[in-house]
């Protein structure tokens, strides 16, 4: 009797779990190509003719508007790195200050610049966001970034 009751319980649970899966929707996964400028990418919208909009996070070589930074800003970035570099285990102090001031920072120095800008308030400095938008046409195999900067 005990085994019969267990079998009936297992059968009812199994049938309850299988019933909804019989009417589940099916989806087609389409490879939209590699976007090698960001770490993680996913499709936002796609049309039947092959056009797509992709969103990516974790960008490499973040685009900075260096023309809006002055010498005082760069001095502040260098001081910020000197004070903070021992607290962040994956970064060292500024490696190439001349390249930073020229607008071509090495990856370590770019990280300091991004952290400094992220900590600045107000509307004086470029806002830092880790989300990127890409468009993909039906004819090409690669995705092009959609870069938008505010104009003064």
Protein backbone atom coordinates (compact mmCIF):
# COMPACT_ATOMS: atom_id res chain seq x y z
CA UNK A 1 0.00 0.00 0.00
CA UNK A 2 2.85 2.33 0.90
CA UNK A 3 4.59 1.69 -2.47
CA UNK A 4 1.34 2.21 -4.35
CA UNK A 5 0.84 5.57 -2.64
CA UNK A 6 4.42 6.64 -3.48
CA UNK A 7 3.96 5.60 -7.13
CA UNK A 8 0.71 7.54 -7.41
CA UNK A 9 2.36 10.62 -5.90
CA UNK A 10 5.35 10.41 -8.27
CA UNK A 11 3.03 9.94 -11.26
CA UNK A 12 0.89 12.96 -10.35
CA UNK A 13 3.94 15.21 -9.78
CA UNK A 14 5.54 14.07 -13.04
CA UNK A 15 2.39 14.69 -15.06
CA UNK A 16 1.98 18.12 -13.48
CA UNK A 17 5.55 19.05 -14.46
CA UNK A 18 5.30 17.71 -18.01
CA UNK A 19 1.95 19.30 -18.91
CA UNK A 20 3.19 22.93 -19.17
CA UNK A 21 6.29 21.94 -21.15
CA UNK A 22 4.13 20.49 -23.91
CA UNK A 23 2.93 23.98 -24.84
CA UNK A 24 6.20 25.88 -24.28
CA UNK A 25 7.31 28.33 -26.97
CA UNK A 26 10.35 27.56 -29.09
CA UNK A 27 12.99 30.17 -29.92
CA UNK A 28 15.70 30.30 -32.53
CA UNK A 29 19.15 31.45 -31.38
CA UNK A 30 20.98 33.50 -34.02
CA UNK A 31 24.70 34.25 -33.80
CA UNK A 32 25.08 37.99 -34.44
CA UNK A 33 28.84 37.87 -34.62
CA UNK A 34 31.62 38.82 -32.27
CA UNK A 35 31.97 42.28 -30.75
CA UNK A 36 35.55 42.35 -29.53
CA UNK A 37 35.47 45.80 -27.89
CA UNK A 38 33.29 44.73 -24.94
CA UNK A 39 33.30 41.77 -22.54
CA UNK A 40 29.61 40.81 -22.65
CA UNK A 41 27.12 41.35 -25.49
CA UNK A 42 23.48 40.51 -25.98
CA UNK A 43 20.88 41.26 -28.65
CA UNK A 44 18.27 43.89 -27.86
CA UNK A 45 16.20 43.92 -31.04
CA UNK A 46 16.40 42.14 -34.38
CA UNK A 47 14.34 42.42 -37.55
CA UNK A 48 13.50 39.74 -40.07
CA UNK A 49 15.79 41.32 -42.68
CA UNK A 50 18.88 40.82 -40.49
CA UNK A 51 19.30 44.26 -38.90
CA UNK A 52 19.99 44.16 -35.17
CA UNK A 53 20.75 46.34 -32.17
CA UNK A 54 23.15 44.91 -29.61
CA UNK A 55 24.01 46.05 -26.11
CA UNK A 56 27.37 45.43 -24.54
CA UNK A 57 28.91 45.98 -21.12
CA UNK A 58 32.48 45.95 -19.85
CA UNK A 59 34.10 47.97 -22.61
CA UNK A 60 37.76 47.92 -23.48
CA UNK A 61 39.56 51.21 -24.28
CA UNK A 62 36.73 53.47 -23.13
CA UNK A 63 36.42 56.62 -25.32
CA UNK A 64 37.41 59.68 -23.26
CA UNK A 65 36.98 63.28 -24.42
CA UNK A 66 40.51 64.40 -23.50
CA UNK A 67 40.03 67.80 -25.11
CA UNK A 68 37.84 68.86 -22.18
CA UNK A 69 40.45 68.02 -19.52
CA UNK A 70 43.04 70.63 -18.51
CA UNK A 71 46.39 70.43 -16.69
CA UNK A 72 44.72 70.84 -13.28
CA UNK A 73 42.52 67.83 -14.03
CA UNK A 74 45.53 65.70 -14.98
CA UNK A 75 47.36 66.84 -11.84
CA UNK A 76 44.32 65.78 -9.80
CA UNK A 77 44.24 62.37 -11.54
CA UNK A 78 47.91 61.78 -10.75
CA UNK A 79 47.38 62.76 -7.09
CA UNK A 80 44.29 60.53 -6.91
CA UNK A 81 46.32 57.55 -8.20
CA UNK A 82 49.20 58.26 -5.79
CA UNK A 83 46.85 58.32 -2.80
CA UNK A 84 44.66 55.38 -3.82
CA UNK A 85 46.92 52.88 -5.67
CA UNK A 86 47.75 50.79 -2.59
CA UNK A 87 44.05 50.25 -1.85
CA UNK A 88 43.28 48.74 -5.27
CA UNK A 89 45.12 45.47 -5.79
CA UNK A 90 44.86 45.25 -9.59
CA UNK A 91 46.25 48.74 -10.34
CA UNK A 92 49.62 50.36 -9.78
CA UNK A 93 50.47 54.05 -9.66
CA UNK A 94 50.43 56.05 -12.94
CA UNK A 95 52.76 54.28 -15.40
CA UNK A 96 53.14 56.83 -18.24
CA UNK A 97 52.07 60.32 -17.18
CA UNK A 98 53.16 61.89 -20.49
CA UNK A 99 50.96 59.51 -22.49
CA UNK A 100 48.07 60.18 -20.10
CA UNK A 101 48.37 63.94 -20.60
CA UNK A 102 48.67 63.44 -24.37
CA UNK A 103 45.33 61.61 -24.44
CA UNK A 104 46.77 58.15 -25.12
CA UNK A 105 46.89 56.47 -21.69
CA UNK A 106 48.07 52.93 -21.13
CA UNK A 107 45.34 50.60 -19.76
CA UNK A 108 46.40 51.05 -16.12
CA UNK A 109 46.31 54.85 -16.42
CA UNK A 110 43.02 54.75 -18.32
CA UNK A 111 41.52 52.87 -15.37
CA UNK A 112 42.65 55.66 -13.03
CA UNK A 113 41.18 58.26 -15.36
CA UNK A 114 37.84 56.41 -15.49
CA UNK A 115 37.68 56.03 -11.70
CA UNK A 116 38.53 59.71 -11.23
CA UNK A 117 35.82 60.77 -13.69
CA UNK A 118 33.26 58.42 -12.12
CA UNK A 119 33.88 60.05 -8.72
CA UNK A 120 33.46 63.60 -10.06
CA UNK A 121 30.03 65.15 -9.62
CA UNK A 122 28.19 67.81 -11.55
CA UNK A 123 28.02 68.43 -15.27
CA UNK A 124 31.59 69.59 -15.88
CA UNK A 125 32.99 66.17 -16.80
CA UNK A 126 32.02 63.39 -19.16
CA UNK A 127 29.66 60.90 -17.54
CA UNK A 128 30.95 57.34 -17.38
CA UNK A 129 28.62 54.51 -18.31
CA UNK A 130 29.52 50.90 -18.90
CA UNK A 131 26.82 50.22 -21.49
CA UNK A 132 27.53 50.38 -25.22
CA UNK A 133 25.14 50.16 -28.16
CA UNK A 134 26.05 48.50 -31.47
CA UNK A 135 24.18 48.31 -34.74
CA UNK A 136 24.43 45.46 -37.22
CA UNK A 137 23.23 45.73 -40.80
CA UNK A 138 21.92 42.79 -42.76
CA UNK A 139 24.81 42.98 -45.25
CA UNK A 140 27.85 43.06 -42.98
CA UNK A 141 29.18 40.45 -40.61
CA UNK A 142 30.50 42.85 -37.96
CA UNK A 143 28.81 45.17 -35.51
CA UNK A 144 29.55 48.90 -35.52
CA UNK A 145 29.53 50.92 -32.29
CA UNK A 146 27.04 53.74 -31.98
CA UNK A 147 28.94 56.52 -30.20
CA UNK A 148 27.05 59.59 -29.02
CA UNK A 149 28.72 62.58 -27.38
CA UNK A 150 26.92 65.66 -26.11
CA UNK A 151 27.78 68.88 -27.87
CA UNK A 152 28.17 72.17 -26.01
